Structures are given as C-alpha cells and as structure tokens.
Amino acid sequence: MLEAAAPTITFTATYISTKEIQLAVGISVTIAVALLILRLVQRSTVQFVVNSLIGIGIGCFFVWLAARNGGDADEQSLAYFVPGLIYNAVYSVVMVLSIVTRWPVVGFMVGSVAGDPLEWHDDPQVVKLCRNLTWCLVVPCLVRVSVQLPIYLSGRRAEDADAYVAALGIAKLAMGWPLQLAAFGTMVWLLGRNKMAREPELAD
C-alpha cells in the first residue's frame, strides 16, 4: 500500500506546492525507481513497485498528451488521474455486463482453479455466489468513478485546479487499497457463509 501510495502523494504534493508539472512527474518517478532499487537490493518482491511504475508511466503519457494538445499546467495535472478513471469505468462495465448475462467473471476464475472453466455454470447456487463475489469487485470501482469523476470535471471548469488536484490525490489514496481490502474481506465472508450453508447438505 505504501509503495502504491508514495508516488501519488509525491506527485500531488509537489505539483500543488510548485505548480511545476514536470518536476512533480520527475520526483514521483524517482521515488518509484528508488523503491524498486530498494526491493532489488533486499531481494524481495518487486510486483507492487512495478505496478506502481506502470501506473505512473501511463499517467505521464496522459500528461504528455494534455501538453501536446495545448493544455496548461492545471489540465496536465488533472490528466495524470484520467487513466485511473478510465480503468475503473471500463472494469465496471465489463464486470456488470458479465453479471447481467449471468456469466459473472469470478466464475471463470473459479473454473480455472477447478480445472473446468465452464462446469461451474451448471450449478445455480455457484452462479449466484460468483455473481455476488463479482459485485464485490465492481462496487469499489463504481465508488471511485462516482466520487472522482465529478471532482475531475469540476477541476476542468475551475480557474485554479489546485484544490481539485489535491482532492483527486486524496480520493485516489483513500479509495485504493482500503476499498480493495474491504472488497476482499467481504468476499471471504461470503465464501465462509456459503460453506456453512452447504454443510448440512454435505453431511447428509
């Protein structure tokens, strides 16, 4: 969580204090690279640092696009958060469509573990469980979009976007891993509840 949060905190704080978008991007990349080197020296997993670097890279690309299209510093700083909005929106649409069509995405995960990607769909109870588990993954994304998109749009209309950049940075952190961990916790609870509901049937 700290490795994922550090670059966003650095970018947001640096931009708001200096209004220098290139400096903010440069420092956030430097922090992420430093964390990667530290992980390599410690010979520990680099997965989360690499994920963070990929996210920063995509954010920087959108900043570059905004600059290329003539956007000012405020527009460029807001563009840094656009990839996250797009990701969560697309993720939500795909997941909800899978639920509506009664082929929830989590079912395919269950099927891959069980060795048959489609067998789970023959059991209505398993389909219902997979639907509920898929909703657990969808809700955090929907919450992020519903909160962060209005902030982004308001920042685009504002004369000074500093407050909106700060709000987006805070929202991104608060709705990142905390919401994801809450979703995973709910999934574990649902799995445990389903197991208890099936125990009498197995006992018979």
N, C-alpha and C. Protein backbone atom coordinates (compact mmCIF):
# COMPACT_ATOMS: atom_id res chain seq x y z
N MET A 1 0.83 -1.21 0.00
CA MET A 1 0.00 0.00 0.00
C MET A 1 0.86 1.26 0.00
N LEU A 2 1.94 1.22 0.80
CA LEU A 2 2.82 2.38 0.86
C LEU A 2 3.54 2.60 -0.46
N GLU A 3 3.95 1.49 -1.09
CA GLU A 3 4.64 1.62 -2.37
C GLU A 3 3.72 2.17 -3.44
N ALA A 4 2.45 1.80 -3.40
CA ALA A 4 1.49 2.31 -4.38
C ALA A 4 1.14 3.77 -4.10
N ALA A 5 1.14 4.14 -2.81
CA ALA A 5 0.71 5.49 -2.43
C ALA A 5 1.80 6.54 -2.59
N ALA A 6 3.06 6.15 -2.35
CA ALA A 6 4.15 7.14 -2.31
C ALA A 6 4.25 7.99 -3.58
N PRO A 7 4.22 7.40 -4.79
CA PRO A 7 4.33 8.25 -5.99
C PRO A 7 3.16 9.22 -6.14
N THR A 8 1.94 8.78 -5.82
CA THR A 8 0.78 9.67 -5.93
C THR A 8 0.87 10.82 -4.94
N ILE A 9 1.27 10.50 -3.71
CA ILE A 9 1.44 11.54 -2.69
C ILE A 9 2.50 12.54 -3.15
N THR A 10 3.60 12.01 -3.67
CA THR A 10 4.70 12.88 -4.12
C THR A 10 4.26 13.78 -5.27
N PHE A 11 3.60 13.18 -6.25
CA PHE A 11 3.14 13.97 -7.40
C PHE A 11 2.20 15.08 -6.96
N THR A 12 1.20 14.73 -6.15
CA THR A 12 0.19 15.71 -5.73
C THR A 12 0.80 16.83 -4.91
N ALA A 13 1.61 16.47 -3.92
CA ALA A 13 2.21 17.48 -3.04
C ALA A 13 3.17 18.38 -3.79
N THR A 14 3.98 17.79 -4.68
CA THR A 14 4.96 18.59 -5.42
C THR A 14 4.28 19.57 -6.37
N TYR A 15 3.26 19.10 -7.08
CA TYR A 15 2.59 19.99 -8.03
C TYR A 15 1.90 21.14 -7.31
N ILE A 16 1.18 20.83 -6.23
CA ILE A 16 0.44 21.88 -5.53
C ILE A 16 1.39 22.92 -4.94
N SER A 17 2.56 22.47 -4.47
CA SER A 17 3.50 23.41 -3.84
C SER A 17 4.34 24.19 -4.84
N THR A 18 4.58 23.62 -6.03
CA THR A 18 5.46 24.27 -7.00
C THR A 18 4.79 24.70 -8.30
N LYS A 19 3.63 24.07 -8.63
CA LYS A 19 2.94 24.31 -9.90
C LYS A 19 3.82 23.92 -11.09
N GLU A 20 4.81 23.05 -10.86
CA GLU A 20 5.71 22.58 -11.91
C GLU A 20 5.35 21.13 -12.22
N ILE A 21 4.63 20.90 -13.31
CA ILE A 21 4.16 19.57 -13.63
C ILE A 21 5.31 18.61 -13.93
N GLN A 22 6.34 19.09 -14.66
CA GLN A 22 7.47 18.22 -14.99
C GLN A 22 8.24 17.81 -13.74
N LEU A 23 8.39 18.75 -12.82
CA LEU A 23 9.07 18.45 -11.56
C LEU A 23 8.27 17.41 -10.76
N ALA A 24 6.96 17.59 -10.73
CA ALA A 24 6.11 16.65 -9.98
C ALA A 24 6.20 15.25 -10.56
N VAL A 25 6.16 15.16 -11.88
CA VAL A 25 6.27 13.85 -12.54
C VAL A 25 7.65 13.26 -12.29
N GLY A 26 8.68 14.08 -12.43
CA GLY A 26 10.05 13.59 -12.26
C GLY A 26 10.30 13.04 -10.86
N ILE A 27 9.84 13.76 -9.85
CA ILE A 27 10.07 13.32 -8.47
C ILE A 27 9.28 12.04 -8.17
N SER A 28 8.04 11.97 -8.67
CA SER A 28 7.24 10.77 -8.42
C SER A 28 7.87 9.54 -9.07
N VAL A 29 8.42 9.71 -10.28
CA VAL A 29 9.11 8.61 -10.96
C VAL A 29 10.37 8.23 -10.18
N THR A 30 11.10 9.24 -9.71
CA THR A 30 12.32 8.98 -8.94
C THR A 30 12.03 8.18 -7.68
N ILE A 31 10.94 8.54 -6.98
CA ILE A 31 10.56 7.81 -5.77
C ILE A 31 10.25 6.36 -6.10
N ALA A 32 9.50 6.14 -7.18
CA ALA A 32 9.14 4.77 -7.56
C ALA A 32 10.37 3.97 -7.94
N VAL A 33 11.29 4.56 -8.68
CA VAL A 33 12.52 3.86 -9.08
C VAL A 33 13.37 3.55 -7.85
N ALA A 34 13.43 4.49 -6.91
CA ALA A 34 14.20 4.26 -5.67
C ALA A 34 13.61 3.09 -4.88
N LEU A 35 12.29 3.00 -4.83
CA LEU A 35 11.64 1.88 -4.15
C LEU A 35 11.94 0.56 -4.87
N LEU A 36 11.99 0.62 -6.20
CA LEU A 36 12.30 -0.58 -6.98
C LEU A 36 13.73 -1.04 -6.69
N ILE A 37 14.68 -0.11 -6.66
CA ILE A 37 16.07 -0.46 -6.37
C ILE A 37 16.19 -1.05 -4.96
N LEU A 38 15.46 -0.46 -4.02
CA LEU A 38 15.48 -0.96 -2.64
C LEU A 38 14.98 -2.40 -2.59
N ARG A 39 13.91 -2.68 -3.31
CA ARG A 39 13.37 -4.04 -3.35
C ARG A 39 14.38 -5.01 -3.97
N LEU A 40 15.05 -4.58 -5.03
CA LEU A 40 16.03 -5.43 -5.68
C LEU A 40 17.21 -5.73 -4.75
N VAL A 41 17.65 -4.70 -4.03
CA VAL A 41 18.75 -4.88 -3.08
C VAL A 41 18.34 -5.85 -1.98
N GLN A 42 17.09 -5.74 -1.53
CA GLN A 42 16.59 -6.62 -0.48
C GLN A 42 16.22 -8.01 -1.00
N ARG A 43 16.23 -8.17 -2.33
CA ARG A 43 15.85 -9.42 -2.98
C ARG A 43 14.44 -9.86 -2.57
N SER A 44 13.55 -8.88 -2.51
CA SER A 44 12.14 -9.15 -2.19
C SER A 44 11.29 -8.85 -3.41
N THR A 45 10.01 -9.15 -3.32
CA THR A 45 9.12 -9.00 -4.47
C THR A 45 9.07 -7.56 -4.97
N VAL A 46 9.10 -7.41 -6.29
CA VAL A 46 9.04 -6.09 -6.90
C VAL A 46 7.68 -5.86 -7.56
N GLN A 47 6.73 -6.78 -7.36
CA GLN A 47 5.45 -6.73 -8.07
C GLN A 47 4.73 -5.41 -7.87
N PHE A 48 4.62 -4.96 -6.62
CA PHE A 48 3.81 -3.77 -6.35
C PHE A 48 4.51 -2.50 -6.81
N VAL A 49 5.85 -2.49 -6.72
CA VAL A 49 6.60 -1.34 -7.22
C VAL A 49 6.47 -1.25 -8.73
N VAL A 50 6.57 -2.39 -9.41
CA VAL A 50 6.44 -2.41 -10.87
C VAL A 50 5.04 -1.96 -11.27
N ASN A 51 4.02 -2.44 -10.55
CA ASN A 51 2.65 -1.99 -10.83
C ASN A 51 2.54 -0.48 -10.69
N SER A 52 3.17 0.05 -9.66
CA SER A 52 3.16 1.50 -9.43
C SER A 52 3.86 2.23 -10.56
N LEU A 53 5.00 1.70 -11.02
CA LEU A 53 5.73 2.32 -12.12
C LEU A 53 4.92 2.32 -13.41
N ILE A 54 4.22 1.22 -13.66
CA ILE A 54 3.37 1.15 -14.85
C ILE A 54 2.26 2.21 -14.78
N GLY A 55 1.66 2.32 -13.59
CA GLY A 55 0.62 3.34 -13.40
C GLY A 55 1.14 4.75 -13.62
N ILE A 56 2.34 5.02 -13.09
CA ILE A 56 2.95 6.34 -13.27
C ILE A 56 3.25 6.58 -14.75
N GLY A 57 3.76 5.55 -15.42
CA GLY A 57 4.08 5.69 -16.83
C GLY A 57 2.86 6.04 -17.67
N ILE A 58 1.75 5.36 -17.39
CA ILE A 58 0.52 5.65 -18.13
C ILE A 58 0.02 7.06 -17.80
N GLY A 59 0.11 7.43 -16.51
CA GLY A 59 -0.29 8.78 -16.11
C GLY A 59 0.56 9.84 -16.79
N CYS A 60 1.87 9.59 -16.88
CA CYS A 60 2.76 10.54 -17.56
C CYS A 60 2.42 10.66 -19.04
N PHE A 61 2.02 9.54 -19.64
CA PHE A 61 1.64 9.59 -21.05
C PHE A 61 0.43 10.50 -21.25
N PHE A 62 -0.53 10.43 -20.34
CA PHE A 62 -1.71 11.29 -20.45
C PHE A 62 -1.34 12.75 -20.17
N VAL A 63 -0.40 12.98 -19.28
CA VAL A 63 0.09 14.34 -19.06
C VAL A 63 0.73 14.88 -20.34
N TRP A 64 1.52 14.05 -20.99
CA TRP A 64 2.16 14.44 -22.25
C TRP A 64 1.12 14.74 -23.33
N LEU A 65 0.07 13.90 -23.40
CA LEU A 65 -1.00 14.15 -24.36
C LEU A 65 -1.68 15.50 -24.10
N ALA A 66 -1.93 15.79 -22.82
CA ALA A 66 -2.57 17.07 -22.47
C ALA A 66 -1.68 18.23 -22.87
N ALA A 67 -0.38 18.09 -22.64
CA ALA A 67 0.56 19.17 -23.01
C ALA A 67 0.62 19.32 -24.52
N ARG A 68 0.63 18.19 -25.22
CA ARG A 68 0.71 18.24 -26.68
C ARG A 68 -0.52 18.92 -27.28
N ASN A 69 -1.67 18.75 -26.62
CA ASN A 69 -2.91 19.37 -27.11
C ASN A 69 -3.10 20.79 -26.62
N GLY A 70 -2.06 21.35 -26.01
CA GLY A 70 -2.11 22.75 -25.61
C GLY A 70 -2.66 22.98 -24.22
N GLY A 71 -2.80 21.93 -23.42
CA GLY A 71 -3.32 22.10 -22.07
C GLY A 71 -2.33 22.81 -21.16
N ASP A 72 -2.85 23.63 -20.25
CA ASP A 72 -1.98 24.32 -19.31
C ASP A 72 -1.58 23.36 -18.19
N ALA A 73 -0.87 23.89 -17.19
CA ALA A 73 -0.36 23.05 -16.11
C ALA A 73 -1.49 22.38 -15.33
N ASP A 74 -2.58 23.11 -15.11
CA ASP A 74 -3.72 22.53 -14.40
C ASP A 74 -4.33 21.37 -15.17
N GLU A 75 -4.50 21.54 -16.46
CA GLU A 75 -5.07 20.47 -17.28
C GLU A 75 -4.14 19.26 -17.33
N GLN A 76 -2.85 19.51 -17.35
CA GLN A 76 -1.89 18.41 -17.37
C GLN A 76 -1.91 17.64 -16.05
N SER A 77 -2.01 18.37 -14.94
CA SER A 77 -2.03 17.70 -13.64
C SER A 77 -3.30 16.88 -13.47
N LEU A 78 -4.43 17.38 -13.95
CA LEU A 78 -5.68 16.63 -13.89
C LEU A 78 -5.60 15.40 -14.79
N ALA A 79 -4.91 15.52 -15.92
CA ALA A 79 -4.78 14.40 -16.86
C ALA A 79 -4.07 13.21 -16.23
N TYR A 80 -3.23 13.46 -15.23
CA TYR A 80 -2.49 12.39 -14.55
C TYR A 80 -3.46 11.37 -13.94
N PHE A 81 -4.66 11.83 -13.57
CA PHE A 81 -5.62 10.94 -12.90
C PHE A 81 -6.62 10.30 -13.86
N VAL A 82 -6.58 10.68 -15.13
CA VAL A 82 -7.53 10.16 -16.11
C VAL A 82 -7.42 8.65 -16.30
N PRO A 83 -6.20 8.07 -16.40
CA PRO A 83 -6.13 6.62 -16.61
C PRO A 83 -6.85 5.82 -15.54
N GLY A 84 -6.77 6.26 -14.30
CA GLY A 84 -7.47 5.57 -13.22
C GLY A 84 -8.97 5.60 -13.41
N LEU A 85 -9.48 6.74 -13.84
CA LEU A 85 -10.92 6.85 -14.10
C LEU A 85 -11.35 5.93 -15.24
N ILE A 86 -10.55 5.93 -16.31
CA ILE A 86 -10.88 5.07 -17.46
C ILE A 86 -10.84 3.60 -17.05
N TYR A 87 -9.80 3.22 -16.34
CA TYR A 87 -9.67 1.82 -15.91
C TYR A 87 -10.86 1.37 -15.08
N ASN A 88 -11.22 2.17 -14.08
CA ASN A 88 -12.32 1.79 -13.20
C ASN A 88 -13.66 1.77 -13.93
N ALA A 89 -13.84 2.70 -14.87
CA ALA A 89 -15.09 2.74 -15.63
C ALA A 89 -15.22 1.52 -16.54
N VAL A 90 -14.15 1.19 -17.27
CA VAL A 90 -14.18 0.03 -18.17
C VAL A 90 -14.32 -1.25 -17.37
N TYR A 91 -13.58 -1.37 -16.29
CA TYR A 91 -13.65 -2.54 -15.42
C TYR A 91 -15.08 -2.74 -14.93
N SER A 92 -15.73 -1.65 -14.51
CA SER A 92 -17.10 -1.74 -14.01
C SER A 92 -18.06 -2.21 -15.09
N VAL A 93 -17.93 -1.65 -16.30
CA VAL A 93 -18.83 -2.01 -17.39
C VAL A 93 -18.69 -3.50 -17.73
N VAL A 94 -17.44 -3.97 -17.84
CA VAL A 94 -17.21 -5.38 -18.18
C VAL A 94 -17.78 -6.30 -17.10
N MET A 95 -17.52 -5.97 -15.85
CA MET A 95 -18.00 -6.80 -14.74
C MET A 95 -19.52 -6.82 -14.67
N VAL A 96 -20.14 -5.65 -14.80
CA VAL A 96 -21.61 -5.57 -14.72
C VAL A 96 -22.24 -6.33 -15.89
N LEU A 97 -21.67 -6.22 -17.07
CA LEU A 97 -22.18 -6.97 -18.22
C LEU A 97 -22.10 -8.47 -17.97
N SER A 98 -21.01 -8.92 -17.35
CA SER A 98 -20.87 -10.35 -17.06
C SER A 98 -21.93 -10.80 -16.06
N ILE A 99 -22.30 -9.91 -15.13
CA ILE A 99 -23.34 -10.25 -14.15
C ILE A 99 -24.70 -10.29 -14.82
N VAL A 100 -25.00 -9.29 -15.65
CA VAL A 100 -26.29 -9.20 -16.33
C VAL A 100 -26.51 -10.41 -17.24
N THR A 101 -25.46 -10.87 -17.88
CA THR A 101 -25.59 -12.01 -18.79
C THR A 101 -25.50 -13.35 -18.06
N ARG A 102 -25.38 -13.29 -16.72
CA ARG A 102 -25.32 -14.50 -15.88
C ARG A 102 -24.06 -15.33 -16.14
N TRP A 103 -23.01 -14.67 -16.56
CA TRP A 103 -21.70 -15.29 -16.67
C TRP A 103 -20.69 -14.44 -15.89
N PRO A 104 -20.88 -14.31 -14.56
CA PRO A 104 -20.01 -13.43 -13.77
C PRO A 104 -18.54 -13.82 -13.90
N VAL A 105 -17.70 -12.82 -13.98
CA VAL A 105 -16.27 -13.03 -14.24
C VAL A 105 -15.63 -13.94 -13.20
N VAL A 106 -16.02 -13.80 -11.94
CA VAL A 106 -15.41 -14.62 -10.89
C VAL A 106 -15.63 -16.10 -11.17
N GLY A 107 -16.73 -16.45 -11.84
CA GLY A 107 -16.98 -17.84 -12.17
C GLY A 107 -15.88 -18.45 -13.01
N PHE A 108 -15.33 -17.67 -13.94
CA PHE A 108 -14.24 -18.18 -14.77
C PHE A 108 -12.97 -18.37 -13.95
N MET A 109 -12.78 -17.52 -12.93
CA MET A 109 -11.64 -17.71 -12.03
C MET A 109 -11.81 -19.01 -11.26
N VAL A 110 -13.04 -19.24 -10.76
CA VAL A 110 -13.33 -20.49 -10.04
C VAL A 110 -13.13 -21.69 -10.96
N GLY A 111 -13.62 -21.56 -12.18
CA GLY A 111 -13.49 -22.65 -13.14
C GLY A 111 -12.05 -22.97 -13.48
N SER A 112 -11.22 -21.94 -13.60
CA SER A 112 -9.81 -22.17 -13.93
C SER A 112 -9.10 -22.92 -12.81
N VAL A 113 -9.48 -22.63 -11.56
CA VAL A 113 -8.88 -23.33 -10.42
C VAL A 113 -9.38 -24.77 -10.37
N ALA A 114 -10.68 -24.96 -10.68
CA ALA A 114 -11.28 -26.29 -10.63
C ALA A 114 -10.86 -27.18 -11.80
N GLY A 115 -10.31 -26.57 -12.83
CA GLY A 115 -9.87 -27.36 -13.98
C GLY A 115 -10.84 -27.40 -15.13
N ASP A 116 -12.05 -26.86 -14.91
CA ASP A 116 -13.05 -26.80 -15.98
C ASP A 116 -13.63 -25.40 -15.99
N PRO A 117 -13.34 -24.58 -16.99
CA PRO A 117 -13.75 -23.18 -16.97
C PRO A 117 -15.25 -22.94 -17.07
N LEU A 118 -16.04 -23.95 -17.41
CA LEU A 118 -17.48 -23.75 -17.62
C LEU A 118 -18.37 -24.59 -16.72
N GLU A 119 -17.85 -25.60 -16.07
CA GLU A 119 -18.68 -26.52 -15.28
C GLU A 119 -19.45 -25.80 -14.18
N TRP A 120 -18.85 -24.78 -13.60
CA TRP A 120 -19.49 -24.05 -12.51
C TRP A 120 -20.84 -23.48 -12.90
N HIS A 121 -21.03 -23.18 -14.19
CA HIS A 121 -22.27 -22.54 -14.65
C HIS A 121 -23.47 -23.49 -14.60
N ASP A 122 -23.23 -24.78 -14.41
CA ASP A 122 -24.32 -25.74 -14.33
C ASP A 122 -24.99 -25.76 -12.96
N ASP A 123 -24.36 -25.13 -11.97
CA ASP A 123 -24.90 -25.11 -10.60
C ASP A 123 -25.43 -23.71 -10.29
N PRO A 124 -26.77 -23.54 -10.18
CA PRO A 124 -27.35 -22.20 -9.92
C PRO A 124 -26.82 -21.56 -8.65
N GLN A 125 -26.54 -22.38 -7.62
CA GLN A 125 -26.04 -21.81 -6.37
C GLN A 125 -24.64 -21.23 -6.55
N VAL A 126 -23.82 -21.94 -7.33
CA VAL A 126 -22.47 -21.44 -7.59
C VAL A 126 -22.52 -20.19 -8.45
N VAL A 127 -23.43 -20.16 -9.42
CA VAL A 127 -23.59 -18.97 -10.27
C VAL A 127 -23.99 -17.76 -9.41
N LYS A 128 -24.90 -17.99 -8.47
CA LYS A 128 -25.34 -16.90 -7.57
C LYS A 128 -24.19 -16.42 -6.71
N LEU A 129 -23.40 -17.37 -6.17
CA LEU A 129 -22.25 -17.00 -5.35
C LEU A 129 -21.24 -16.20 -6.17
N CYS A 130 -20.95 -16.66 -7.38
CA CYS A 130 -19.99 -15.96 -8.24
C CYS A 130 -20.50 -14.57 -8.62
N ARG A 131 -21.81 -14.44 -8.79
CA ARG A 131 -22.39 -13.13 -9.07
C ARG A 131 -22.14 -12.17 -7.91
N ASN A 132 -22.38 -12.65 -6.69
CA ASN A 132 -22.18 -11.80 -5.51
C ASN A 132 -20.70 -11.45 -5.33
N LEU A 133 -19.84 -12.42 -5.60
CA LEU A 133 -18.39 -12.16 -5.49
C LEU A 133 -17.94 -11.14 -6.53
N THR A 134 -18.52 -11.23 -7.73
CA THR A 134 -18.19 -10.27 -8.77
C THR A 134 -18.64 -8.86 -8.38
N TRP A 135 -19.81 -8.76 -7.75
CA TRP A 135 -20.28 -7.45 -7.27
C TRP A 135 -19.28 -6.85 -6.27
N CYS A 136 -18.65 -7.70 -5.47
CA CYS A 136 -17.66 -7.21 -4.51
C CYS A 136 -16.50 -6.52 -5.22
N LEU A 137 -16.16 -7.00 -6.41
CA LEU A 137 -15.09 -6.38 -7.19
C LEU A 137 -15.56 -5.13 -7.93
N VAL A 138 -16.85 -5.10 -8.26
CA VAL A 138 -17.39 -3.97 -9.03
C VAL A 138 -17.60 -2.74 -8.16
N VAL A 139 -18.13 -2.94 -6.96
CA VAL A 139 -18.54 -1.80 -6.12
C VAL A 139 -17.41 -0.81 -5.87
N PRO A 140 -16.18 -1.24 -5.51
CA PRO A 140 -15.11 -0.25 -5.31
C PRO A 140 -14.86 0.60 -6.56
N CYS A 141 -14.92 -0.02 -7.73
CA CYS A 141 -14.68 0.73 -8.98
C CYS A 141 -15.80 1.76 -9.21
N LEU A 142 -17.03 1.36 -8.96
CA LEU A 142 -18.16 2.27 -9.12
C LEU A 142 -18.05 3.45 -8.15
N VAL A 143 -17.64 3.17 -6.92
CA VAL A 143 -17.49 4.23 -5.92
C VAL A 143 -16.40 5.21 -6.36
N ARG A 144 -15.28 4.66 -6.85
CA ARG A 144 -14.19 5.54 -7.29
C ARG A 144 -14.63 6.47 -8.41
N VAL A 145 -15.31 5.91 -9.40
CA VAL A 145 -15.75 6.73 -10.54
C VAL A 145 -16.78 7.76 -10.09
N SER A 146 -17.73 7.35 -9.26
CA SER A 146 -18.80 8.25 -8.85
C SER A 146 -18.29 9.41 -8.00
N VAL A 147 -17.18 9.21 -7.29
CA VAL A 147 -16.61 10.28 -6.46
C VAL A 147 -15.58 11.09 -7.24
N GLN A 148 -14.69 10.41 -7.96
CA GLN A 148 -13.56 11.10 -8.58
C GLN A 148 -13.91 11.80 -9.89
N LEU A 149 -14.86 11.26 -10.65
CA LEU A 149 -15.22 11.90 -11.92
C LEU A 149 -15.79 13.29 -11.71
N PRO A 150 -16.73 13.51 -10.77
CA PRO A 150 -17.21 14.89 -10.55
C PRO A 150 -16.09 15.84 -10.11
N ILE A 151 -15.13 15.34 -9.32
CA ILE A 151 -14.01 16.19 -8.91
C ILE A 151 -13.18 16.58 -10.13
N TYR A 152 -12.91 15.61 -10.99
CA TYR A 152 -12.13 15.87 -12.20
C TYR A 152 -12.84 16.88 -13.10
N LEU A 153 -14.12 16.70 -13.32
CA LEU A 153 -14.88 17.61 -14.19
C LEU A 153 -14.94 19.01 -13.60
N SER A 154 -15.09 19.09 -12.27
CA SER A 154 -15.11 20.41 -11.62
C SER A 154 -13.76 21.09 -11.77
N GLY A 155 -12.67 20.30 -11.66
CA GLY A 155 -11.33 20.86 -11.84
C GLY A 155 -11.11 21.39 -13.24
N ARG A 156 -11.67 20.72 -14.22
CA ARG A 156 -11.55 21.17 -15.61
C ARG A 156 -12.23 22.53 -15.82
N ARG A 157 -13.28 22.79 -15.05
CA ARG A 157 -14.01 24.05 -15.20
C ARG A 157 -13.46 25.17 -14.33
N ALA A 158 -12.63 24.81 -13.36
CA ALA A 158 -12.15 25.81 -12.40
C ALA A 158 -11.00 26.63 -12.97
N GLU A 159 -10.87 27.85 -12.51
CA GLU A 159 -9.76 28.71 -12.92
C GLU A 159 -8.45 28.24 -12.29
N ASP A 160 -8.54 27.74 -11.06
CA ASP A 160 -7.37 27.21 -10.36
C ASP A 160 -7.73 25.80 -9.89
N ALA A 161 -7.02 24.79 -10.41
CA ALA A 161 -7.39 23.40 -10.15
C ALA A 161 -6.64 22.79 -8.97
N ASP A 162 -5.86 23.59 -8.24
CA ASP A 162 -5.05 23.03 -7.15
C ASP A 162 -5.89 22.22 -6.16
N ALA A 163 -7.01 22.78 -5.74
CA ALA A 163 -7.85 22.10 -4.74
C ALA A 163 -8.39 20.78 -5.30
N TYR A 164 -8.68 20.77 -6.58
CA TYR A 164 -9.23 19.56 -7.20
C TYR A 164 -8.16 18.50 -7.42
N VAL A 165 -6.94 18.95 -7.72
CA VAL A 165 -5.82 18.01 -7.84
C VAL A 165 -5.56 17.36 -6.48
N ALA A 166 -5.59 18.18 -5.43
CA ALA A 166 -5.39 17.65 -4.07
C ALA A 166 -6.51 16.66 -3.71
N ALA A 167 -7.75 17.03 -4.05
CA ALA A 167 -8.88 16.16 -3.75
C ALA A 167 -8.78 14.84 -4.50
N LEU A 168 -8.34 14.90 -5.75
CA LEU A 168 -8.17 13.67 -6.53
C LEU A 168 -7.07 12.80 -5.94
N GLY A 169 -5.98 13.42 -5.51
CA GLY A 169 -4.89 12.66 -4.90
C GLY A 169 -5.35 11.96 -3.63
N ILE A 170 -6.09 12.69 -2.79
CA ILE A 170 -6.60 12.12 -1.53
C ILE A 170 -7.60 11.00 -1.83
N ALA A 171 -8.50 11.26 -2.78
CA ALA A 171 -9.51 10.26 -3.13
C ALA A 171 -8.87 9.00 -3.70
N LYS A 172 -7.85 9.18 -4.52
CA LYS A 172 -7.16 8.04 -5.12
C LYS A 172 -6.53 7.16 -4.05
N LEU A 173 -5.95 7.79 -3.05
CA LEU A 173 -5.32 7.03 -1.96
C LEU A 173 -6.37 6.37 -1.07
N ALA A 174 -7.38 7.15 -0.68
CA ALA A 174 -8.40 6.63 0.24
C ALA A 174 -9.25 5.53 -0.39
N MET A 175 -9.40 5.59 -1.70
CA MET A 175 -10.27 4.61 -2.38
C MET A 175 -9.47 3.56 -3.14
N GLY A 176 -8.18 3.49 -2.85
CA GLY A 176 -7.35 2.48 -3.49
C GLY A 176 -7.37 1.18 -2.71
N TRP A 177 -6.27 0.88 -2.04
CA TRP A 177 -6.17 -0.36 -1.30
C TRP A 177 -7.20 -0.51 -0.18
N PRO A 178 -7.56 0.55 0.56
CA PRO A 178 -8.58 0.37 1.60
C PRO A 178 -9.89 -0.21 1.06
N LEU A 179 -10.37 0.32 -0.06
CA LEU A 179 -11.60 -0.23 -0.65
C LEU A 179 -11.38 -1.65 -1.17
N GLN A 180 -10.20 -1.89 -1.73
CA GLN A 180 -9.92 -3.22 -2.28
C GLN A 180 -9.85 -4.25 -1.16
N LEU A 181 -9.23 -3.90 -0.04
CA LEU A 181 -9.16 -4.82 1.09
C LEU A 181 -10.54 -5.08 1.67
N ALA A 182 -11.39 -4.05 1.71
CA ALA A 182 -12.77 -4.23 2.17
C ALA A 182 -13.52 -5.18 1.26
N ALA A 183 -13.28 -5.06 -0.05
CA ALA A 183 -13.93 -5.96 -1.01
C ALA A 183 -13.47 -7.40 -0.80
N PHE A 184 -12.16 -7.59 -0.62
CA PHE A 184 -11.63 -8.94 -0.40
C PHE A 184 -12.18 -9.54 0.90
N GLY A 185 -12.29 -8.69 1.94
CA GLY A 185 -12.85 -9.15 3.20
C GLY A 185 -14.29 -9.61 3.05
N THR A 186 -15.06 -8.86 2.27
CA THR A 186 -16.46 -9.23 2.02
C THR A 186 -16.53 -10.54 1.23
N MET A 187 -15.62 -10.72 0.29
CA MET A 187 -15.59 -11.95 -0.49
C MET A 187 -15.29 -13.16 0.40
N VAL A 188 -14.35 -13.00 1.32
CA VAL A 188 -14.03 -14.09 2.26
C VAL A 188 -15.25 -14.41 3.11
N TRP A 189 -15.97 -13.37 3.57
CA TRP A 189 -17.18 -13.58 4.38
C TRP A 189 -18.24 -14.32 3.59
N LEU A 190 -18.43 -13.94 2.34
CA LEU A 190 -19.42 -14.62 1.50
C LEU A 190 -19.05 -16.08 1.28
N LEU A 191 -17.77 -16.34 1.06
CA LEU A 191 -17.33 -17.72 0.86
C LEU A 191 -17.55 -18.55 2.12
N GLY A 192 -17.25 -17.97 3.28
CA GLY A 192 -17.48 -18.67 4.54
C GLY A 192 -18.95 -18.92 4.79
N ARG A 193 -19.78 -17.95 4.50
CA ARG A 193 -21.22 -18.09 4.68
C ARG A 193 -21.77 -19.18 3.75
N ASN A 194 -21.29 -19.19 2.50
CA ASN A 194 -21.76 -20.20 1.55
C ASN A 194 -21.34 -21.60 2.01
N LYS A 195 -20.15 -21.73 2.57
CA LYS A 195 -19.67 -23.02 3.06
C LYS A 195 -20.56 -23.53 4.18
N MET A 196 -20.94 -22.61 5.12
CA MET A 196 -21.79 -23.03 6.22
C MET A 196 -23.16 -23.42 5.73
N ALA A 197 -23.64 -22.71 4.69
CA ALA A 197 -24.97 -23.02 4.17
C ALA A 197 -25.00 -24.39 3.51
N ARG A 198 -23.85 -24.86 3.02
CA ARG A 198 -23.80 -26.14 2.29
C ARG A 198 -23.41 -27.31 3.18
N GLU A 199 -22.97 -27.02 4.42
CA GLU A 199 -22.51 -28.09 5.29
C GLU A 199 -23.57 -29.14 5.60
N PRO A 200 -24.85 -28.76 5.94
CA PRO A 200 -25.86 -29.77 6.20
C PRO A 200 -26.07 -30.69 5.01
N GLU A 201 -26.03 -30.12 3.79
CA GLU A 201 -26.20 -30.90 2.57
C GLU A 201 -25.08 -31.91 2.42
N LEU A 202 -23.83 -31.48 2.78
CA LEU A 202 -22.70 -32.40 2.67
C LEU A 202 -22.75 -33.47 3.73
N ALA A 203 -23.30 -33.11 4.89
CA ALA A 203 -23.39 -34.08 5.99
C ALA A 203 -24.36 -35.19 5.65
N ASP A 204 -25.45 -34.83 4.94
CA ASP A 204 -26.41 -35.85 4.56
C ASP A 204 -25.78 -36.84 3.60
